[in-house]
Amino acid sequence: LFPYTTLFRSARIEVTGNPGDVIIKGITLFNDSKTGQETYYVTYANFEAQGETGSPRFVEPKNDLGTWMDAGESVTLKPNESKNVTLTISVPKDAYPGGHFAVVFFGNNPQKENGQVSVGAKTGTLVLLSVTGDVLEAGGLVSFNTQNHKFFYNSLPVSLDYRWKNDGNDRIKPEGKVTIRNIFYIPATRIDANAVSGNILPHSARLFNVEWI
């Protein structure tokens, strides 16, 4: 069993490195309690795509990025105190080119041994590492339509869905605008196609929603 069953909140670090690099990043933790001191225990996991929503699925880090990171064992914060935690990523010299994905968890319960479940609150920082080298980039737009394939609208808003597939071995992040044209084919408006800056992990597809309001 994965060692936590908890509420999860996340930030995100996106970084590029070469095989053999040591990468240093800072993570700021804040204890928003006004009364109690908190100790946060550090754990790690790898993650992969879960469905087409962009939600990650966490897996035990037996290898890969989850085992390359070090942010210490714990950090203690007084009420309303913040601290900068140093995250060190030691990229192996034989790391394969492309994307590697993991998370650093800070939980208020220490990790249990023998796979036992620990229930508590935790926060995490997603780490998306691109290792340089011969990276395969492939994929593209799979579908684009109105939500539920609705054809007629009497008024705004109009919900649009598109699906993008990643057949490569690194994450991709679609960028651009969705152009809405009137009956004379003149552009009426342009909408950010990826307002959430969502990534698509390798060998997966992601469904994006765009609102014309």
Protein backbone atom coordinates (compact mmCIF):
# COMPACT_ATOMS: atom_id res chain seq x y z
CA LEU A 1 0.00 0.00 0.00
CA PHE A 2 1.13 3.55 -0.63
CA PRO A 3 2.15 5.09 2.73
CA TYR A 4 -0.42 7.90 2.83
CA THR A 5 -4.18 8.28 2.53
CA THR A 6 -4.60 12.04 2.75
CA LEU A 7 -5.64 15.35 1.34
CA PHE A 8 -3.06 16.39 -1.28
CA ARG A 9 -2.17 19.90 -2.39
CA SER A 10 0.67 20.53 -4.80
CA ALA A 11 3.03 23.04 -6.34
CA ARG A 12 5.21 22.27 -9.34
CA ILE A 13 8.90 22.42 -10.31
CA GLU A 14 9.84 22.03 -13.98
CA VAL A 15 13.56 21.63 -14.65
CA THR A 16 16.00 20.41 -17.32
CA GLY A 17 19.32 18.69 -16.64
CA ASN A 18 22.08 16.62 -18.21
CA PRO A 19 23.02 13.07 -17.18
CA GLY A 20 25.37 13.40 -14.20
CA ASP A 21 24.11 16.85 -13.16
CA VAL A 22 23.31 17.81 -9.58
CA ILE A 23 20.35 20.20 -9.58
CA ILE A 24 19.47 22.37 -6.57
CA LYS A 25 15.98 23.81 -6.11
CA GLY A 26 14.25 25.54 -3.21
CA ILE A 27 10.83 24.66 -1.80
CA THR A 28 9.16 27.07 0.62
CA LEU A 29 7.02 25.53 3.38
CA PHE A 30 4.63 27.62 5.47
CA ASN A 31 2.84 26.65 8.66
CA ASP A 32 -0.42 28.59 8.57
CA SER A 33 -1.43 27.42 12.04
CA LYS A 34 -1.66 30.25 14.55
CA THR A 35 -1.33 28.04 17.61
CA GLY A 36 0.69 24.88 17.06
CA GLN A 37 4.18 23.93 16.00
CA GLU A 38 4.25 21.37 13.16
CA THR A 39 6.84 18.83 12.06
CA TYR A 40 6.60 17.73 8.42
CA TYR A 41 8.15 14.42 7.36
CA VAL A 42 9.61 14.06 3.87
CA THR A 43 8.71 11.19 1.53
CA TYR A 44 8.93 10.68 -2.23
CA ALA A 45 6.96 8.99 -5.00
CA ASN A 46 7.08 8.68 -8.75
CA PHE A 47 3.96 9.57 -10.69
CA GLU A 48 2.36 8.82 -14.03
CA ALA A 49 -0.74 9.88 -15.94
CA GLN A 50 -4.10 8.78 -14.56
CA GLY A 51 -6.82 8.92 -17.20
CA GLU A 52 -7.16 12.05 -19.32
CA THR A 53 -7.82 14.65 -16.63
CA GLY A 54 -4.19 15.54 -15.89
CA SER A 55 -4.40 14.06 -12.39
CA PRO A 56 -1.26 12.12 -11.34
CA ARG A 57 -1.16 8.56 -10.02
CA PHE A 58 1.54 8.09 -7.38
CA VAL A 59 3.63 4.92 -7.27
CA GLU A 60 6.30 3.55 -4.94
CA PRO A 61 9.72 4.99 -5.91
CA LYS A 62 11.84 1.88 -6.38
CA ASN A 63 13.93 3.63 -9.05
CA ASP A 64 13.97 6.70 -11.29
CA LEU A 65 13.42 10.31 -10.13
CA GLY A 66 11.76 9.44 -6.82
CA THR A 67 15.06 7.86 -5.74
CA TRP A 68 17.28 10.64 -7.11
CA MET A 69 15.95 13.38 -4.80
CA ASP A 70 16.90 14.48 -1.31
CA ALA A 71 15.15 17.15 0.78
CA GLY A 72 16.14 15.89 4.23
CA GLU A 73 14.04 13.82 6.58
CA SER A 74 11.82 16.41 8.28
CA VAL A 75 11.33 20.11 8.91
CA THR A 76 9.76 21.77 11.96
CA LEU A 77 7.88 25.06 11.71
CA LYS A 78 6.53 27.32 14.42
CA PRO A 79 3.09 28.92 13.95
CA ASN A 80 3.08 31.30 10.95
CA GLU A 81 6.71 30.40 10.21
CA SER A 82 8.08 29.63 6.74
CA LYS A 83 11.31 27.89 5.77
CA ASN A 84 13.10 27.25 2.51
CA VAL A 85 13.87 23.55 2.04
CA THR A 86 16.70 22.60 -0.31
CA LEU A 87 15.82 19.90 -2.83
CA THR A 88 18.82 18.16 -4.39
CA ILE A 89 18.33 16.13 -7.56
CA SER A 90 21.29 13.88 -8.45
CA VAL A 91 20.78 12.79 -12.05
CA PRO A 92 22.61 9.49 -12.75
CA LYS A 93 25.14 9.48 -15.57
CA ASP A 94 23.17 6.73 -17.29
CA ALA A 95 19.75 8.43 -16.95
CA TYR A 96 17.78 7.98 -20.16
CA PRO A 97 16.84 11.13 -22.13
CA GLY A 98 13.30 12.42 -21.76
CA GLY A 99 10.85 12.96 -18.95
CA HIS A 100 11.10 11.79 -15.35
CA PHE A 101 8.30 12.62 -12.91
CA ALA A 102 8.10 12.49 -9.12
CA VAL A 103 6.71 14.26 -6.07
CA VAL A 104 8.20 15.40 -2.76
CA PHE A 105 5.64 14.96 0.02
CA PHE A 106 5.64 16.84 3.33
CA GLY A 107 3.29 15.05 5.72
CA ASN A 108 2.49 15.57 9.39
CA ASN A 109 2.74 11.84 10.19
CA PRO A 110 5.99 9.87 9.92
CA GLN A 111 6.09 7.15 7.27
CA LYS A 112 5.17 3.71 8.55
CA GLU A 113 7.27 0.64 7.87
CA ASN A 114 6.11 -2.51 6.02
CA GLY A 115 3.70 -0.58 3.79
CA GLN A 116 1.27 0.39 6.54
CA VAL A 117 -1.09 3.27 5.84
CA SER A 118 -0.62 6.53 7.71
CA VAL A 119 -3.60 8.89 7.72
CA GLY A 120 -2.88 12.59 7.95
CA ALA A 121 -2.52 15.86 6.05
CA LYS A 122 0.21 16.38 3.49
CA THR A 123 1.29 18.77 0.81
CA GLY A 124 3.56 18.04 -2.09
CA THR A 125 5.68 19.52 -4.85
CA LEU A 126 5.51 17.84 -8.24
CA VAL A 127 8.91 17.61 -9.93
CA LEU A 128 9.02 17.32 -13.72
CA LEU A 129 12.57 16.68 -14.93
CA SER A 130 13.65 16.63 -18.57
CA VAL A 131 16.98 14.86 -19.14
CA THR A 132 18.74 16.10 -22.26
CA GLY A 133 19.76 13.82 -25.10
CA ASP A 134 18.02 12.08 -27.98
CA VAL A 135 14.44 12.87 -26.94
CA LEU A 136 11.56 11.53 -29.02
CA GLU A 137 8.89 14.14 -29.74
CA ALA A 138 5.70 12.78 -31.30
CA GLY A 139 1.96 13.16 -31.02
CA GLY A 140 -0.67 15.73 -31.87
CA LEU A 141 -4.30 16.75 -31.85
CA VAL A 142 -6.68 13.78 -31.71
CA SER A 143 -10.07 15.49 -31.58
CA PHE A 144 -11.70 18.91 -31.27
CA ASN A 145 -15.40 19.58 -30.78
CA THR A 146 -18.00 21.34 -28.69
CA GLN A 147 -18.67 19.68 -25.36
CA ASN A 148 -21.05 16.72 -25.82
CA HIS A 149 -20.95 17.50 -29.57
CA LYS A 150 -23.65 20.13 -29.15
CA PHE A 151 -24.38 21.87 -32.46
CA PHE A 152 -26.66 24.86 -31.74
CA TYR A 153 -26.14 27.57 -29.08
CA ASN A 154 -28.50 30.46 -28.43
CA SER A 155 -26.10 32.28 -26.14
CA LEU A 156 -22.73 32.12 -24.45
CA PRO A 157 -20.93 30.38 -22.84
CA VAL A 158 -19.82 27.72 -25.32
CA SER A 159 -17.73 24.85 -24.01
CA LEU A 160 -15.12 23.36 -26.33
CA ASP A 161 -13.11 20.18 -25.78
CA TYR A 162 -9.94 19.00 -27.46
CA ARG A 163 -7.81 15.93 -26.87
CA TRP A 164 -4.03 15.94 -27.35
CA LYS A 165 -1.95 12.76 -27.45
CA ASN A 166 1.73 12.48 -26.51
CA ASP A 167 3.55 9.57 -28.18
CA GLY A 168 7.01 10.86 -27.20
CA ASN A 169 9.14 10.19 -24.14
CA ASP A 170 8.99 13.63 -22.52
CA ARG A 171 6.15 15.82 -21.33
CA ILE A 172 4.62 18.32 -23.72
CA LYS A 173 2.65 21.47 -22.99
CA PRO A 174 0.26 22.69 -25.72
CA GLU A 175 0.41 26.42 -26.39
CA GLY A 176 -1.63 28.65 -28.67
CA LYS A 177 -5.03 30.15 -29.23
CA VAL A 178 -8.41 28.78 -30.28
CA THR A 179 -9.74 31.17 -32.93
CA ILE A 180 -13.52 31.68 -33.15
CA ARG A 181 -14.70 33.02 -36.53
CA ASN A 182 -18.04 34.53 -37.51
CA ILE A 183 -20.17 33.53 -40.51
CA PHE A 184 -17.95 35.71 -42.72
CA TYR A 185 -14.88 33.78 -41.53
CA ILE A 186 -13.56 36.86 -39.75
CA PRO A 187 -11.94 36.16 -36.35
CA ALA A 188 -14.36 37.15 -33.60
CA THR A 189 -12.25 36.15 -30.59
CA ARG A 190 -9.20 34.13 -29.57
CA ILE A 191 -9.09 31.97 -26.44
CA ASP A 192 -6.05 30.59 -24.63
CA ALA A 193 -5.92 26.89 -25.53
CA ASN A 194 -4.12 25.92 -22.31
CA ALA A 195 -4.90 28.47 -19.64
CA VAL A 196 -3.95 26.02 -16.85
CA SER A 197 -0.48 25.38 -18.38
CA GLY A 198 -1.24 21.66 -18.26
CA ASN A 199 1.36 19.08 -19.26
CA ILE A 200 0.76 15.81 -21.09
CA LEU A 201 2.96 12.96 -19.84
CA PRO A 202 4.58 10.50 -22.26
CA HIS A 203 2.42 7.80 -23.85
CA SER A 204 -0.83 9.34 -22.67
CA ALA A 205 -3.58 11.68 -23.83
CA ARG A 206 -5.19 14.61 -22.07
CA LEU A 207 -8.57 16.24 -22.50
CA PHE A 208 -8.60 20.06 -22.33
CA ASN A 209 -11.66 22.27 -21.92
CA VAL A 210 -11.85 25.76 -23.39
CA GLU A 211 -14.65 28.17 -22.47
CA TRP A 212 -15.93 30.86 -24.81
CA ILE A 213 -17.66 33.29 -22.49
